[in-house]
Protein backbone atom coordinates (compact mmCIF):
# COMPACT_ATOMS: atom_id res chain seq x y z
CA UNK A 1 -44.03 -42.40 66.60
CA UNK A 2 -45.41 -44.45 63.75
CA UNK A 3 -46.82 -41.31 62.19
CA UNK A 4 -43.34 -39.78 62.18
CA UNK A 5 -41.89 -42.94 60.68
CA UNK A 6 -44.36 -42.91 57.78
CA UNK A 7 -43.65 -39.20 57.26
CA UNK A 8 -39.92 -39.81 57.08
CA UNK A 9 -40.34 -42.74 54.70
CA UNK A 10 -42.56 -40.59 52.45
CA UNK A 11 -39.97 -37.82 52.33
CA UNK A 12 -37.21 -40.35 51.55
CA UNK A 13 -39.27 -41.95 48.77
CA UNK A 14 -39.98 -38.53 47.28
CA UNK A 15 -36.26 -37.65 47.26
CA UNK A 16 -35.43 -40.93 45.55
CA UNK A 17 -38.03 -40.36 42.86
CA UNK A 18 -36.76 -36.83 42.30
CA UNK A 19 -33.17 -38.05 42.01
CA UNK A 20 -34.16 -40.79 39.60
CA UNK A 21 -36.12 -38.41 37.46
CA UNK A 22 -33.20 -35.91 37.37
CA UNK A 23 -30.85 -38.72 36.37
CA UNK A 24 -33.19 -39.65 33.54
CA UNK A 25 -33.27 -36.04 32.37
CA UNK A 26 -29.48 -36.00 32.44
CA UNK A 27 -29.38 -39.18 30.32
CA UNK A 28 -31.85 -37.62 27.86
CA UNK A 29 -29.98 -34.32 27.50
CA UNK A 30 -26.30 -35.41 27.55
CA UNK A 31 -26.08 -37.21 24.23
CA UNK A 32 -27.71 -34.31 22.47
CA UNK A 33 -25.31 -31.80 24.04
CA UNK A 34 -22.36 -34.05 23.27
CA UNK A 35 -23.43 -34.32 19.66
CA UNK A 36 -23.84 -30.60 19.26
CA UNK A 37 -20.40 -29.83 20.56
CA UNK A 38 -18.33 -32.68 19.26
CA UNK A 39 -19.68 -34.02 16.09
CA UNK A 40 -19.40 -31.01 13.76
CA UNK A 41 -15.68 -30.69 14.42
CA UNK A 42 -15.18 -34.41 13.98
CA UNK A 43 -17.07 -34.31 10.69
CA UNK A 44 -14.86 -31.45 9.49
CA UNK A 45 -11.77 -33.39 10.34
CA UNK A 46 -13.09 -36.45 8.58
CA UNK A 47 -14.06 -34.44 5.54
CA UNK A 48 -10.56 -32.95 5.33
CA UNK A 49 -8.78 -36.28 5.77
CA UNK A 50 -11.10 -38.78 4.13
CA UNK A 51 -9.00 -40.41 1.36
CA UNK A 52 -12.18 -41.30 -0.49
CA UNK A 53 -13.38 -37.74 -0.82
CA UNK A 54 -13.43 -36.14 -4.29
CA UNK A 55 -10.96 -33.28 -4.01
CA UNK A 56 -11.55 -32.38 -7.63
CA UNK A 57 -15.14 -31.12 -6.95
CA UNK A 58 -13.85 -27.56 -6.47
CA UNK A 59 -12.39 -27.61 -10.00
CA UNK A 60 -15.57 -28.81 -11.69
CA UNK A 61 -17.33 -26.44 -14.04
CA UNK A 62 -20.27 -24.68 -12.43
CA UNK A 63 -22.86 -22.56 -14.17
CA UNK A 64 -26.04 -20.78 -13.19
CA UNK A 65 -29.24 -21.74 -14.99
CA UNK A 66 -32.71 -20.34 -14.62
CA UNK A 67 -35.49 -22.59 -15.96
CA UNK A 68 -38.75 -21.19 -17.20
CA UNK A 69 -41.72 -21.12 -14.75
CA UNK A 70 -43.57 -24.09 -16.33
CA UNK A 71 -40.62 -26.50 -15.98
CA UNK A 72 -41.19 -28.89 -13.10
CA UNK A 73 -38.58 -30.23 -10.70
CA UNK A 74 -38.86 -33.66 -12.29
CA UNK A 75 -38.26 -32.11 -15.74
CA UNK A 76 -35.16 -30.32 -14.46
CA UNK A 77 -33.80 -33.57 -12.99
CA UNK A 78 -34.37 -35.34 -16.32
CA UNK A 79 -32.62 -32.60 -18.29
CA UNK A 80 -29.57 -32.51 -16.05
CA UNK A 81 -29.40 -36.32 -15.98
CA UNK A 82 -29.59 -36.48 -19.77
CA UNK A 83 -26.67 -34.03 -20.01
CA UNK A 84 -24.73 -35.91 -17.35
CA UNK A 85 -24.83 -32.93 -15.00
CA UNK A 86 -25.94 -32.50 -11.45
CA UNK A 87 -28.01 -29.91 -9.64
CA UNK A 88 -25.58 -28.74 -6.97
CA UNK A 89 -27.83 -26.18 -5.35
CA UNK A 90 -31.28 -24.71 -5.75
CA UNK A 91 -31.50 -21.00 -5.14
CA UNK A 92 -34.74 -20.77 -3.29
CA UNK A 93 -35.10 -16.99 -3.45
CA UNK A 94 -35.49 -17.08 -7.26
CA UNK A 95 -37.85 -19.58 -8.77
CA UNK A 96 -36.16 -21.93 -11.23
CA UNK A 97 -32.61 -20.77 -10.51
CA UNK A 98 -30.20 -23.68 -10.15
CA UNK A 99 -26.50 -24.15 -9.73
CA UNK A 100 -25.51 -26.85 -12.21
CA UNK A 101 -22.27 -28.81 -11.91
CA UNK A 102 -20.80 -30.46 -14.97
CA UNK A 103 -19.57 -34.08 -14.70
CA UNK A 104 -17.94 -34.30 -18.12
CA UNK A 105 -14.98 -31.90 -17.56
CA UNK A 106 -16.38 -29.52 -20.21
CA UNK A 107 -15.60 -25.82 -20.21
CA UNK A 108 -18.06 -23.29 -18.81
CA UNK A 109 -18.75 -21.89 -22.31
CA UNK A 110 -19.60 -25.38 -23.60
CA UNK A 111 -21.98 -26.17 -20.75
CA UNK A 112 -23.59 -22.74 -20.98
CA UNK A 113 -24.17 -23.25 -24.69
CA UNK A 114 -25.89 -26.59 -24.05
CA UNK A 115 -28.41 -25.09 -21.65
CA UNK A 116 -29.02 -21.96 -23.71
CA UNK A 117 -30.06 -24.19 -26.61
CA UNK A 118 -32.90 -25.66 -24.54
CA UNK A 119 -36.42 -24.21 -24.79
CA UNK A 120 -36.93 -24.89 -21.11
CA UNK A 121 -34.15 -22.48 -20.13
CA UNK A 122 -34.67 -18.72 -19.61
CA UNK A 123 -30.93 -18.02 -19.27
CA UNK A 124 -27.60 -19.69 -18.47
CA UNK A 125 -24.30 -18.08 -17.51
CA UNK A 126 -20.89 -19.03 -16.17
CA UNK A 127 -20.10 -18.85 -12.49
CA UNK A 128 -17.72 -15.86 -12.71
CA UNK A 129 -14.93 -14.99 -10.31
CA UNK A 130 -15.51 -11.97 -8.09
CA UNK A 131 -12.68 -9.85 -6.68
CA UNK A 132 -12.61 -7.28 -4.00
CA UNK A 133 -14.00 -4.02 -5.33
CA UNK A 134 -11.66 -1.46 -3.84
CA UNK A 135 -9.25 0.66 -5.85
CA UNK A 136 -6.99 -1.71 -7.80
CA UNK A 137 -8.97 -4.81 -6.85
CA UNK A 138 -6.80 -7.86 -6.75
CA UNK A 139 -3.74 -8.96 -4.79
CA UNK A 140 -2.72 -6.58 -2.09
CA UNK A 141 -0.70 -6.39 1.07
CA UNK A 142 -2.09 -4.76 4.19
CA UNK A 143 0.24 -3.06 6.68
CA UNK A 144 -0.12 -3.91 10.41
CA UNK A 145 1.47 -0.67 11.61
CA UNK A 146 -0.52 0.91 14.44
CA UNK A 147 -1.14 4.27 12.69
CA UNK A 148 -1.79 2.80 9.22
CA UNK A 149 -5.50 3.59 9.59
CA UNK A 150 -4.53 7.28 9.50
CA UNK A 151 -2.49 6.94 6.31
CA UNK A 152 -5.27 7.80 3.86
CA UNK A 153 -2.69 8.54 1.13
CA UNK A 154 -1.74 4.86 1.11
CA UNK A 155 -5.23 3.42 1.55
CA UNK A 156 -8.22 5.76 1.31
CA UNK A 157 -11.51 3.99 2.04
CA UNK A 158 -13.37 7.23 2.67
CA UNK A 159 -12.23 7.76 6.25
CA UNK A 160 -12.58 11.25 7.81
CA UNK A 161 -14.61 12.60 4.95
CA UNK A 162 -12.27 11.45 2.24
CA UNK A 163 -13.01 9.89 -1.14
CA UNK A 164 -12.62 6.18 -1.43
CA UNK A 165 -9.79 5.31 -3.84
CA UNK A 166 -8.16 8.78 -3.67
CA UNK A 167 -4.83 7.28 -2.74
CA UNK A 168 -1.68 5.99 -4.40
CA UNK A 169 -2.76 2.34 -4.38
CA UNK A 170 0.13 1.34 -2.13
CA UNK A 171 -1.34 -1.98 -0.98
CA UNK A 172 -1.64 -3.25 -4.53
CA UNK A 173 1.94 -2.17 -5.23
CA UNK A 174 3.10 -4.01 -2.11
CA UNK A 175 1.80 -7.26 -3.60
CA UNK A 176 4.55 -6.81 -6.17
CA UNK A 177 7.32 -5.17 -4.16
CA UNK A 178 7.79 -3.60 -0.74
CA UNK A 179 11.12 -2.06 -1.64
CA UNK A 180 14.76 -3.10 -1.56
CA UNK A 181 17.73 -2.32 0.70
CA UNK A 182 19.80 -2.03 -2.48
CA UNK A 183 18.06 1.24 -3.41
CA UNK A 184 19.28 4.44 -1.76
CA UNK A 185 17.17 7.60 -1.59
CA UNK A 186 18.89 10.81 -0.46
CA UNK A 187 16.63 13.10 1.62
CA UNK A 188 18.05 16.61 1.02
CA UNK A 189 16.53 18.49 3.89
CA UNK A 190 17.04 19.39 7.60
CA UNK A 191 18.62 15.98 8.25
CA UNK A 192 16.88 12.86 9.54
CA UNK A 193 16.52 11.38 13.02
CA UNK A 194 18.38 8.21 12.19
CA UNK A 195 17.63 6.80 15.63
CA UNK A 196 13.86 6.91 15.20
CA UNK A 197 12.48 3.40 15.92
CA UNK A 198 10.41 3.44 12.70
CA UNK A 199 13.37 4.60 10.58
CA UNK A 200 16.55 3.15 12.12
CA UNK A 201 16.43 -0.14 10.18
CA UNK A 202 16.15 1.74 6.87
CA UNK A 203 18.87 4.35 7.37
CA UNK A 204 21.82 4.19 5.00
CA UNK A 205 25.12 3.18 6.55
CA UNK A 206 28.31 3.67 4.56
CA UNK A 207 29.72 0.24 3.65
CA UNK A 208 33.26 -0.42 4.82
CA UNK A 209 34.41 -0.79 1.22
CA UNK A 210 33.36 2.81 0.52
CA UNK A 211 35.99 5.35 1.65
CA UNK A 212 35.05 8.18 3.98
CA UNK A 213 34.02 11.43 2.32
CA UNK A 214 36.74 13.91 1.50
CA UNK A 215 36.36 17.44 0.20
CA UNK A 216 39.48 19.58 0.46
CA UNK A 217 37.49 22.80 0.79
CA UNK A 218 34.93 21.58 3.31
CA UNK A 219 36.93 19.00 5.23
CA UNK A 220 40.37 20.54 5.62
CA UNK A 221 40.95 18.54 8.78
CA UNK A 222 40.72 15.25 6.90
CA UNK A 223 38.07 12.81 5.80
CA UNK A 224 34.57 12.95 7.22
CA UNK A 225 33.26 9.74 8.77
CA UNK A 226 29.95 9.89 6.93
CA UNK A 227 28.57 6.79 8.54
CA UNK A 228 24.93 7.85 7.92
CA UNK A 229 25.21 10.79 5.52
CA UNK A 230 26.44 14.34 5.58
CA UNK A 231 25.79 17.59 7.51
CA UNK A 232 26.62 20.59 5.32
CA UNK A 233 25.60 23.06 7.97
CA UNK A 234 28.36 21.95 10.34
CA UNK A 235 30.55 20.20 7.75
CA UNK A 236 30.56 16.86 9.58
CA UNK A 237 29.22 13.38 9.34
CA UNK A 238 26.30 13.80 11.69
CA UNK A 239 23.06 14.66 9.77
CA UNK A 240 20.83 14.47 12.85
CA UNK A 241 17.62 16.43 12.37
CA UNK A 242 16.84 19.25 14.82
CA UNK A 243 13.89 20.68 12.89
CA UNK A 244 11.67 17.68 12.14
CA UNK A 245 10.89 18.42 8.47
CA UNK A 246 13.48 15.99 7.04
CA UNK A 247 12.43 13.23 9.41
CA UNK A 248 8.82 13.64 8.37
CA UNK A 249 9.74 13.37 4.64
CA UNK A 250 11.94 10.34 5.31
CA UNK A 251 9.11 8.49 7.02
CA UNK A 252 6.88 8.91 4.00
CA UNK A 253 9.53 7.37 1.79
CA UNK A 254 10.74 4.61 4.01
CA UNK A 255 9.38 4.15 7.53
CA UNK A 256 9.72 0.44 8.27
CA UNK A 257 6.45 -1.29 7.34
CA UNK A 258 4.84 -4.36 8.84
CA UNK A 259 6.56 -3.94 12.23
CA UNK A 260 3.38 -3.12 14.22
CA UNK A 261 4.96 0.29 15.03
CA UNK A 262 4.00 3.76 13.98
CA UNK A 263 3.41 4.08 10.26
CA UNK A 264 4.30 2.29 7.03
CA UNK A 265 6.52 3.96 4.54
CA UNK A 266 5.89 3.55 0.82
CA UNK A 267 8.98 1.37 0.94
CA UNK A 268 8.98 -1.05 3.86
CA UNK A 269 12.59 -1.71 3.00
CA UNK A 270 14.91 0.92 1.52
CA UNK A 271 18.00 2.89 2.46
CA UNK A 272 17.50 6.58 3.37
CA UNK A 273 20.61 8.75 3.09
CA UNK A 274 20.17 11.82 5.38
CA UNK A 275 21.57 15.11 4.10
CA UNK A 276 21.39 18.13 6.36
CA UNK A 277 21.68 21.51 4.68
CA UNK A 278 19.01 23.36 6.67
CA UNK A 279 19.30 24.38 10.30
CA UNK A 280 16.91 24.01 13.21
CA UNK A 281 14.89 26.96 11.94
CA UNK A 282 14.47 25.39 8.55
CA UNK A 283 16.77 27.90 6.84
CA UNK A 284 19.39 26.97 4.27
CA UNK A 285 21.29 28.39 1.31
CA UNK A 286 21.72 27.58 -2.32
CA UNK A 287 25.38 26.93 -1.67
CA UNK A 288 24.66 24.39 1.05
CA UNK A 289 22.18 22.67 -1.26
CA UNK A 290 24.80 22.54 -3.99
CA UNK A 291 27.34 21.06 -1.58
CA UNK A 292 24.90 18.43 -0.43
CA UNK A 293 24.15 17.39 -4.03
CA UNK A 294 27.87 17.35 -4.74
CA UNK A 295 28.24 14.89 -1.84
CA UNK A 296 25.56 12.65 -3.33
CA UNK A 297 27.32 12.63 -6.72
CA UNK A 298 30.57 11.77 -4.99
CA UNK A 299 29.02 8.86 -3.13
CA UNK A 300 27.38 7.64 -6.34
CA UNK A 301 30.75 7.62 -8.13
CA UNK A 302 32.25 5.82 -5.15
CA UNK A 303 29.79 2.92 -5.60
CA UNK A 304 26.75 3.86 -3.53
CA UNK A 305 23.51 3.08 -5.43
CA UNK A 306 21.91 6.52 -4.90
CA UNK A 307 19.19 6.85 -7.51
CA UNK A 308 16.81 9.44 -6.09
CA UNK A 309 17.10 12.77 -4.34
CA UNK A 310 13.98 14.00 -2.56
CA UNK A 311 13.97 17.82 -2.27
CA UNK A 312 11.05 19.34 -0.34
CA UNK A 313 12.10 22.97 -0.49
CA UNK A 314 12.59 25.83 -2.95
CA UNK A 315 12.55 29.54 -3.76
CA UNK A 316 11.91 31.89 -6.65
CA UNK A 317 15.65 32.35 -7.24
CA UNK A 318 16.88 30.86 -10.47
CA UNK A 319 20.37 29.62 -9.69
CA UNK A 320 22.28 28.37 -12.70
CA UNK A 321 24.80 26.73 -10.37
CA UNK A 322 22.11 24.73 -8.66
CA UNK A 323 20.70 23.82 -12.01
CA UNK A 324 24.09 22.61 -13.17
CA UNK A 325 24.49 20.38 -10.09
CA UNK A 326 21.04 18.85 -10.59
CA UNK A 327 21.80 18.31 -14.26
CA UNK A 328 25.04 16.54 -13.33
CA UNK A 329 23.15 14.38 -10.86
CA UNK A 330 20.95 13.36 -13.76
CA UNK A 331 24.00 12.45 -15.86
CA UNK A 332 25.03 10.21 -12.95
CA UNK A 333 21.67 8.42 -13.08
CA UNK A 334 19.97 10.24 -10.20
CA UNK A 335 16.33 11.37 -10.30
CA UNK A 336 15.59 14.70 -8.60
CA UNK A 337 12.09 15.03 -7.17
CA UNK A 338 11.18 18.56 -6.09
CA UNK A 339 8.31 20.38 -4.37
CA UNK A 340 6.19 22.71 -6.57
CA UNK A 341 5.73 25.19 -3.69
CA UNK A 342 3.03 26.31 -1.30
CA UNK A 343 2.14 29.78 -2.62
CA UNK A 344 -1.10 28.78 -4.46
CA UNK A 345 0.37 30.25 -7.63
CA UNK A 346 0.99 29.24 -11.24
CA UNK A 347 4.58 28.12 -11.71
CA UNK A 348 4.22 28.64 -15.46
CA UNK A 349 3.95 32.35 -14.75
CA UNK A 350 6.13 32.54 -11.64
CA UNK A 351 8.69 29.68 -11.53
CA UNK A 352 9.59 27.95 -8.26
CA UNK A 353 13.09 26.44 -8.17
CA UNK A 354 14.47 23.79 -8.23
CA UNK A 355 11.12 22.29 -9.33
CA UNK A 356 10.92 24.60 -12.38
CA UNK A 357 14.23 23.63 -13.92
CA UNK A 358 13.58 22.13 -17.30
CA UNK A 359 15.83 19.13 -16.85
CA UNK A 360 15.10 15.52 -17.81
CA UNK A 361 15.80 14.26 -14.29
CA UNK A 362 13.52 16.71 -12.49
CA UNK A 363 9.97 15.91 -11.43
CA UNK A 364 7.90 18.76 -9.98
CA UNK A 365 5.21 17.78 -7.53
CA UNK A 366 1.90 19.47 -6.55
CA UNK A 367 -0.24 18.43 -3.55
CA UNK A 368 -3.72 16.88 -3.41
CA UNK A 369 -6.11 16.31 -0.49
CA UNK A 370 -7.98 13.17 0.57
CA UNK A 371 -10.65 13.91 -2.05
CA UNK A 372 -8.25 14.11 -5.01
CA UNK A 373 -8.54 17.85 -5.22
CA UNK A 374 -5.58 20.22 -5.53
CA UNK A 375 -5.00 21.65 -2.09
CA UNK A 376 -5.67 25.32 -1.37
CA UNK A 377 -2.00 26.02 -0.80
CA UNK A 378 -0.37 24.06 -3.64
CA UNK A 379 1.31 25.66 -6.62
CA UNK A 380 0.41 24.36 -10.05
CA UNK A 381 1.53 24.64 -13.62
CA UNK A 382 0.08 23.13 -16.78
CA UNK A 383 3.55 22.71 -18.28
CA UNK A 384 6.00 23.28 -15.42
CA UNK A 385 4.46 21.03 -12.73
CA UNK A 386 4.54 17.34 -13.65
CA UNK A 387 2.35 15.43 -11.27
CA UNK A 388 0.39 15.57 -8.03
CA UNK A 389 0.62 13.49 -4.86
CA UNK A 390 -1.07 13.47 -1.44
CA UNK A 391 0.09 16.43 0.64
CA UNK A 392 -2.53 17.33 3.24
CA UNK A 393 -3.08 15.76 6.68
CA UNK A 394 -0.10 13.45 6.22
CA UNK A 395 1.05 11.60 9.34
CA UNK A 396 4.71 10.58 9.46
CA UNK A 397 7.74 10.27 11.70
CA UNK A 398 8.86 13.24 13.82
CA UNK A 399 11.48 14.31 16.40
CA UNK A 400 11.75 12.62 19.77
CA UNK A 401 10.72 9.30 18.25
CA UNK A 402 7.24 10.67 17.66
CA UNK A 403 4.72 11.02 14.80
CA UNK A 404 2.99 14.15 13.60
CA UNK A 405 0.55 15.28 10.91
CA UNK A 406 1.84 17.89 8.45
CA UNK A 407 0.84 19.30 5.07
CA UNK A 408 2.49 20.89 2.06
CA UNK A 409 4.06 20.02 -1.29
CA UNK A 410 6.93 19.07 1.00
CA UNK A 411 4.86 16.02 1.93
CA UNK A 412 3.74 15.31 -1.61
CA UNK A 413 7.34 15.19 -2.89
CA UNK A 414 8.48 12.13 -0.90
CA UNK A 415 5.46 10.25 -2.11
CA UNK A 416 6.77 10.50 -5.65
CA UNK A 417 10.35 9.81 -4.50
CA UNK A 418 9.08 6.79 -2.59
CA UNK A 419 7.24 5.38 -5.61
CA UNK A 420 10.35 5.91 -7.71
CA UNK A 421 12.25 3.76 -5.21
CA UNK A 422 9.63 1.05 -5.47
CA UNK A 423 10.04 0.97 -9.25
CA UNK A 424 13.85 0.81 -8.85
CA UNK A 425 13.49 -2.14 -6.47
CA UNK A 426 12.11 -4.25 -9.38
CA UNK A 427 13.96 -2.45 -12.20
CA UNK A 428 17.42 -1.61 -10.79
CA UNK A 429 18.93 -0.76 -14.16
CA UNK A 430 16.16 1.46 -15.45
CA UNK A 431 17.42 4.71 -16.91
CA UNK A 432 16.41 8.11 -15.58
CA UNK A 433 14.43 8.88 -18.73
CA UNK A 434 12.59 5.58 -18.45
CA UNK A 435 11.99 5.98 -14.74
CA UNK A 436 10.58 9.48 -15.12
CA UNK A 437 8.36 8.36 -17.98
CA UNK A 438 7.13 5.35 -15.98
CA UNK A 439 6.08 7.55 -13.09
CA UNK A 440 4.34 10.21 -15.20
CA UNK A 441 2.65 7.78 -17.60
CA UNK A 442 1.15 5.63 -14.85
CA UNK A 443 -0.83 8.27 -12.97
CA UNK A 444 -4.51 8.20 -12.12
CA UNK A 445 -6.11 10.82 -14.35
CA UNK A 446 -7.92 13.28 -12.07
CA UNK A 447 -10.42 15.78 -13.65
CA UNK A 448 -9.50 18.50 -11.14
CA UNK A 449 -5.86 18.30 -12.19
CA UNK A 450 -6.54 18.88 -15.88
CA UNK A 451 -4.72 22.09 -16.86
CA UNK A 452 -3.01 22.08 -13.45
CA UNK A 453 -0.24 19.54 -13.90
CA UNK A 454 1.34 18.24 -17.11
CA UNK A 455 0.44 14.60 -16.58
CA UNK A 456 -3.11 15.47 -15.57
CA UNK A 457 -2.99 13.07 -12.67
CA UNK A 458 -2.00 11.84 -9.24
CA UNK A 459 0.81 9.36 -8.69
CA UNK A 460 -0.21 5.67 -8.61
CA UNK A 461 2.28 3.23 -7.12
CA UNK A 462 0.51 0.07 -8.28
CA UNK A 463 0.47 1.16 -11.91
CA UNK A 464 4.08 2.32 -11.70
CA UNK A 465 5.22 -1.14 -10.59
CA UNK A 466 2.79 -2.79 -13.03
CA UNK A 467 0.44 -4.24 -10.36
CA UNK A 468 -2.51 -2.79 -12.28
C-alpha cells in the first residue's frame, strides 16, 4: 500500500513539473510571437501618422556616388558631413557605391557637380526616374474585360508568338481618352446586334428631338422609326445583324470597356449607328450602300454628330455614284474608312473600291498580323492604300451574344475608324482634312510596310491622341 502511495505521489509530482515547465516555455515564446505579429503593423501605422515625421524626405535630392577603392568609411563620412549631406544607403554589392541625400535643398545637378569635383570620387550621377519599358511607356489604362488578354491588337506583349509592341498602343491612349458618347460612328455593314451585352450601352439611339427618317422613295408608307439605325435591305428601322460581320466590326470600334465582360473596344464609350445593307449571306449592292450613306448624310444634317463611316467591304467595280455619295459625306464632315481588300494584290495596279477612290475623306486600310507583318491575304498599294492596322486573329463580338475570332482587312478597318473616334472625343471640331492627316502622320513606321502603304506604317492610337 505504501509502495503504491509513493508511486502515485511520484507520478503526480512529475506531472506538476511537466506542466510548470510547459507554462514557462509558453511564457518564453508568447512575447516573441506577439511581437512578430503585432509590432510591424503598429510601427507602420505610427510611421504614417507620426506628426513629427519628416514628410519632405521623399522630395530631397538623392544622387549615386561611387568613391575610389582607397577611400575609407571614415573619410566618406567626413566628406558628406562637410558638404552637409547624409549617406542614406550603402550599396553592398558594389564597393564604394553610396546613396547620398542632400540636406541643403540643392538640385541634383548641383550636388552631382560637387562630388564629381572631388578626387576621392570615381563617379557621381543623379537618381533618375525609371518608367515601365513597354511600348509607349508612361501613363496607361488597363482594361479588366475577361477576354482582353486575347486582344493582342490593343496590347501585344508577345503572347501566342507575337511581337511585343506590335499593337496600336491602346492602353496609353486610354490614359488620355476612352471615347465619348457625343461621337457617332456609322457601321455600314450587315447590321449590328444592338442587344449584345458588350455593345448595348454604346448603340446609338435617335434622340427625341431628331425626327424619324423619311425618304419618299424608300418609305412610301411614312416615316421610319429609326430608333437604332436603318435597314436598307428591308427598308425599315431594324438594323439587326443576321450575318455577324457587322457585329464583329462594331465590337472592335466600341465594345464597352472596363465592364469585366467580353472584350474592350477601342472606345469604351461611343455611339455605334448600325446600318444594314448586306443580307444574312453577306451580299449587298452598290445601290443599297448608296442608300445607306444617304441616310447617314440625312441624319448628319438633322443634327446627329456622325463623323465616321466604317466600311469593311468592297469590289473592283468603280461606281461614280458611290464615289459621289462618299464625296458628299466628306463635304458634310464625315470620314470614310474602307477596307483595302483580301485578294493579296496591288491596289495601285488593280483598284479595290470604295477604298481606292481618291477622295480627301477616304482612308484605305491594309491588315497586319501580331508580328507587324502584312498578312498573307491583305491587299496593298504604295500610293492607293494609306495605312495598316491589325487584321488577323481578332477577337470581337458576334451573334447570339457571343465572341469569335476573325481575320481580314474587314477587321483592320474598324481599328482605324475606332482611333478616329478617339481623336474626335478630344477634338470634336477637327476638320476631315486635319483628322485624316492626324491619323496618317502618327503611325508607327514599320519596315515591312515600306512600299506597301503610303504612310509606311501601322496605326497608333496613343500618338493620334497625343499620348506619346
